[in-house]
């Protein structure tokens, strides 16, 4: 993945951290739940199509922004937190080349193939 894309994702990750600082929620929640969006990988226990859908649902920045803005509209810090967590996690993953998944294979992402054999 190109360095400029990694820098862009790093900046978005830092933006997510900054946005979290505006909430009154303890940092332990952010740290403790940071990897929670990876629960979407459980879909791969069924097949790659369900796996890709579930993984992408928890790693799509559009979904994250929807949660965040609904939280702003409803004055719900919990929904804002969910949006920020999803957004930050997705950006963090993309720094390392883990993008949204295609249906055929976990290693086939919108950012290219992942894994040592594909670098």
C-alpha atoms as a PDB file:
ATOM      1  CA  UNK A   1       0.000   0.000   0.000  1.00  0.00           C
ATOM      2  CA  UNK A   2       1.290   3.410  -0.867  1.00  0.00           C
ATOM      3  CA  UNK A   3       2.841   5.501   1.862  1.00  0.00           C
ATOM      4  CA  UNK A   4       0.476   8.409   1.172  1.00  0.00           C
ATOM      5  CA  UNK A   5      -2.550   6.163   1.875  1.00  0.00           C
ATOM      6  CA  UNK A   6      -0.985   4.921   5.100  1.00  0.00           C
ATOM      7  CA  UNK A   7      -0.362   8.505   6.215  1.00  0.00           C
ATOM      8  CA  UNK A   8      -3.960   9.411   5.366  1.00  0.00           C
ATOM      9  CA  UNK A   9      -5.241   6.495   7.452  1.00  0.00           C
ATOM     10  CA  UNK A  10      -2.915   7.443  10.315  1.00  0.00           C
ATOM     11  CA  UNK A  11      -4.349  10.964  10.298  1.00  0.00           C
ATOM     12  CA  UNK A  12      -7.906   9.547  10.353  1.00  0.00           C
ATOM     13  CA  UNK A  13      -6.932   7.251  13.238  1.00  0.00           C
ATOM     14  CA  UNK A  14      -5.587  10.252  15.160  1.00  0.00           C
ATOM     15  CA  UNK A  15      -8.793  12.148  14.321  1.00  0.00           C
ATOM     16  CA  UNK A  16     -10.775   9.311  15.893  1.00  0.00           C
ATOM     17  CA  UNK A  17      -8.663   9.526  19.046  1.00  0.00           C
ATOM     18  CA  UNK A  18      -9.179  13.290  19.132  1.00  0.00           C
ATOM     19  CA  UNK A  19     -12.935  12.887  18.705  1.00  0.00           C
ATOM     20  CA  UNK A  20     -12.976  10.370  21.558  1.00  0.00           C
ATOM     21  CA  UNK A  21     -11.333  12.924  23.871  1.00  0.00           C
ATOM     22  CA  UNK A  22     -14.471  15.069  23.482  1.00  0.00           C
ATOM     23  CA  UNK A  23     -16.598  12.352  25.110  1.00  0.00           C
ATOM     24  CA  UNK A  24     -16.897  11.817  28.842  1.00  0.00           C
ATOM     25  CA  UNK A  25     -16.348   8.060  28.448  1.00  0.00           C
ATOM     26  CA  UNK A  26     -13.339   6.487  30.170  1.00  0.00           C
ATOM     27  CA  UNK A  27     -10.290   5.627  28.059  1.00  0.00           C
ATOM     28  CA  UNK A  28     -10.546   2.058  29.327  1.00  0.00           C
ATOM     29  CA  UNK A  29     -13.628   1.564  27.165  1.00  0.00           C
ATOM     30  CA  UNK A  30     -11.767   2.692  24.047  1.00  0.00           C
ATOM     31  CA  UNK A  31      -8.737   0.523  24.794  1.00  0.00           C
ATOM     32  CA  UNK A  32     -10.763  -2.466  25.946  1.00  0.00           C
ATOM     33  CA  UNK A  33     -13.129  -2.485  22.980  1.00  0.00           C
ATOM     34  CA  UNK A  34     -10.689  -1.383  20.289  1.00  0.00           C
ATOM     35  CA  UNK A  35     -10.496  -4.840  18.722  1.00  0.00           C
ATOM     36  CA  UNK A  36     -14.237  -5.530  19.109  1.00  0.00           C
ATOM     37  CA  UNK A  37     -15.040  -4.765  15.432  1.00  0.00           C
ATOM     38  CA  UNK A  38     -12.979  -7.826  14.517  1.00  0.00           C
ATOM     39  CA  UNK A  39     -15.897  -9.922  15.761  1.00  0.00           C
ATOM     40  CA  UNK A  40     -17.092  -9.594  12.167  1.00  0.00           C
ATOM     41  CA  UNK A  41     -14.501 -12.213  11.239  1.00  0.00           C
ATOM     42  CA  UNK A  42     -16.721 -14.835  12.873  1.00  0.00           C
ATOM     43  CA  UNK A  43     -18.821 -14.756   9.717  1.00  0.00           C
ATOM     44  CA  UNK A  44     -16.024 -16.658   8.006  1.00  0.00           C
ATOM     45  CA  UNK A  45     -16.999 -19.675  10.113  1.00  0.00           C
ATOM     46  CA  UNK A  46     -20.008 -20.016   7.783  1.00  0.00           C
ATOM     47  CA  UNK A  47     -18.508 -19.105   4.413  1.00  0.00           C
ATOM     48  CA  UNK A  48     -16.499 -16.353   2.743  1.00  0.00           C
ATOM     49  CA  UNK A  49     -19.576 -14.478   1.487  1.00  0.00           C
ATOM     50  CA  UNK A  50     -21.105 -14.135   4.962  1.00  0.00           C
ATOM     51  CA  UNK A  51     -17.645 -13.504   6.395  1.00  0.00           C
ATOM     52  CA  UNK A  52     -16.924 -10.666   3.989  1.00  0.00           C
ATOM     53  CA  UNK A  53     -20.334  -9.088   4.641  1.00  0.00           C
ATOM     54  CA  UNK A  54     -19.975  -9.275   8.440  1.00  0.00           C
ATOM     55  CA  UNK A  55     -16.359  -8.092   8.401  1.00  0.00           C
ATOM     56  CA  UNK A  56     -17.142  -5.193   6.061  1.00  0.00           C
ATOM     57  CA  UNK A  57     -20.159  -4.152   8.137  1.00  0.00           C
ATOM     58  CA  UNK A  58     -17.913  -3.644  11.181  1.00  0.00           C
ATOM     59  CA  UNK A  59     -15.095  -2.028   9.174  1.00  0.00           C
ATOM     60  CA  UNK A  60     -16.985   0.319   6.856  1.00  0.00           C
ATOM     61  CA  UNK A  61     -16.325   3.960   7.644  1.00  0.00           C
ATOM     62  CA  UNK A  62     -19.749   4.931   6.301  1.00  0.00           C
ATOM     63  CA  UNK A  63     -21.390   2.748   8.954  1.00  0.00           C
ATOM     64  CA  UNK A  64     -19.126   4.341  11.557  1.00  0.00           C
ATOM     65  CA  UNK A  65     -20.146   7.841  10.496  1.00  0.00           C
ATOM     66  CA  UNK A  66     -23.836   6.912  10.548  1.00  0.00           C
ATOM     67  CA  UNK A  67     -23.515   5.732  14.156  1.00  0.00           C
ATOM     68  CA  UNK A  68     -21.574   8.853  15.096  1.00  0.00           C
ATOM     69  CA  UNK A  69     -23.993  11.348  13.541  1.00  0.00           C
ATOM     70  CA  UNK A  70     -27.074   9.572  14.883  1.00  0.00           C
ATOM     71  CA  UNK A  71     -25.353   9.829  18.264  1.00  0.00           C
ATOM     72  CA  UNK A  72     -24.813  13.553  17.747  1.00  0.00           C
ATOM     73  CA  UNK A  73     -28.438  14.025  16.671  1.00  0.00           C
ATOM     74  CA  UNK A  74     -29.762  12.052  19.653  1.00  0.00           C
ATOM     75  CA  UNK A  75     -27.141  13.446  22.077  1.00  0.00           C
ATOM     76  CA  UNK A  76     -26.046   9.877  22.792  1.00  0.00           C
ATOM     77  CA  UNK A  77     -22.396   9.526  23.747  1.00  0.00           C
ATOM     78  CA  UNK A  78     -22.716   5.744  23.480  1.00  0.00           C
ATOM     79  CA  UNK A  79     -23.672   5.925  19.791  1.00  0.00           C
ATOM     80  CA  UNK A  80     -20.984   8.538  19.175  1.00  0.00           C
ATOM     81  CA  UNK A  81     -18.488   6.243  20.894  1.00  0.00           C
ATOM     82  CA  UNK A  82     -19.522   3.282  18.718  1.00  0.00           C
ATOM     83  CA  UNK A  83     -19.039   5.406  15.604  1.00  0.00           C
ATOM     84  CA  UNK A  84     -15.659   6.701  16.749  1.00  0.00           C
ATOM     85  CA  UNK A  85     -14.510   3.212  17.725  1.00  0.00           C
ATOM     86  CA  UNK A  86     -15.536   1.703  14.377  1.00  0.00           C
ATOM     87  CA  UNK A  87     -13.936   4.582  12.470  1.00  0.00           C
ATOM     88  CA  UNK A  88     -10.688   4.457  14.458  1.00  0.00           C
ATOM     89  CA  UNK A  89     -10.417   0.688  14.239  1.00  0.00           C
ATOM     90  CA  UNK A  90     -11.007   0.698  10.474  1.00  0.00           C
ATOM     91  CA  UNK A  91      -8.349   3.372   9.999  1.00  0.00           C
ATOM     92  CA  UNK A  92      -5.912   1.448  12.196  1.00  0.00           C
ATOM     93  CA  UNK A  93      -6.471  -1.737  10.183  1.00  0.00           C
ATOM     94  CA  UNK A  94      -5.970   0.093   6.902  1.00  0.00           C
ATOM     95  CA  UNK A  95      -2.630   1.489   8.055  1.00  0.00           C
ATOM     96  CA  UNK A  96      -1.463  -2.141   7.945  1.00  0.00           C
ATOM     97  CA  UNK A  97      -3.171  -2.910   4.646  1.00  0.00           C
ATOM     98  CA  UNK A  98      -6.280  -4.671   5.959  1.00  0.00           C
ATOM     99  CA  UNK A  99      -9.062  -3.346   3.806  1.00  0.00           C
ATOM    100  CA  UNK A 100     -12.661  -4.253   3.101  1.00  0.00           C
ATOM    101  CA  UNK A 101     -12.979  -7.868   2.011  1.00  0.00           C
ATOM    102  CA  UNK A 102     -14.130  -9.356  -1.264  1.00  0.00           C
ATOM    103  CA  UNK A 103     -16.360 -12.451  -1.178  1.00  0.00           C
ATOM    104  CA  UNK A 104     -13.812 -14.894  -2.566  1.00  0.00           C
ATOM    105  CA  UNK A 105     -11.030 -14.812   0.050  1.00  0.00           C
ATOM    106  CA  UNK A 106     -10.210 -13.100   3.365  1.00  0.00           C
ATOM    107  CA  UNK A 107      -6.863 -12.003   1.945  1.00  0.00           C
ATOM    108  CA  UNK A 108      -8.451 -10.300  -1.069  1.00  0.00           C
ATOM    109  CA  UNK A 109      -9.219  -6.706  -0.050  1.00  0.00           C
ATOM    110  CA  UNK A 110      -9.999  -3.389  -1.695  1.00  0.00           C
ATOM    111  CA  UNK A 111      -6.409  -2.396  -0.863  1.00  0.00           C
ATOM    112  CA  UNK A 112      -4.934  -5.477  -2.550  1.00  0.00           C
ATOM    113  CA  UNK A 113      -3.859  -8.897  -1.327  1.00  0.00           C
ATOM    114  CA  UNK A 114      -2.674  -9.238   2.270  1.00  0.00           C
ATOM    115  CA  UNK A 115      -0.263 -11.722   3.730  1.00  0.00           C
ATOM    116  CA  UNK A 116       3.401 -12.561   3.349  1.00  0.00           C
ATOM    117  CA  UNK A 117       2.963 -14.448   0.070  1.00  0.00           C
ATOM    118  CA  UNK A 118       1.307 -11.383  -1.519  1.00  0.00           C
ATOM    119  CA  UNK A 119       3.588  -8.538  -0.454  1.00  0.00           C
END
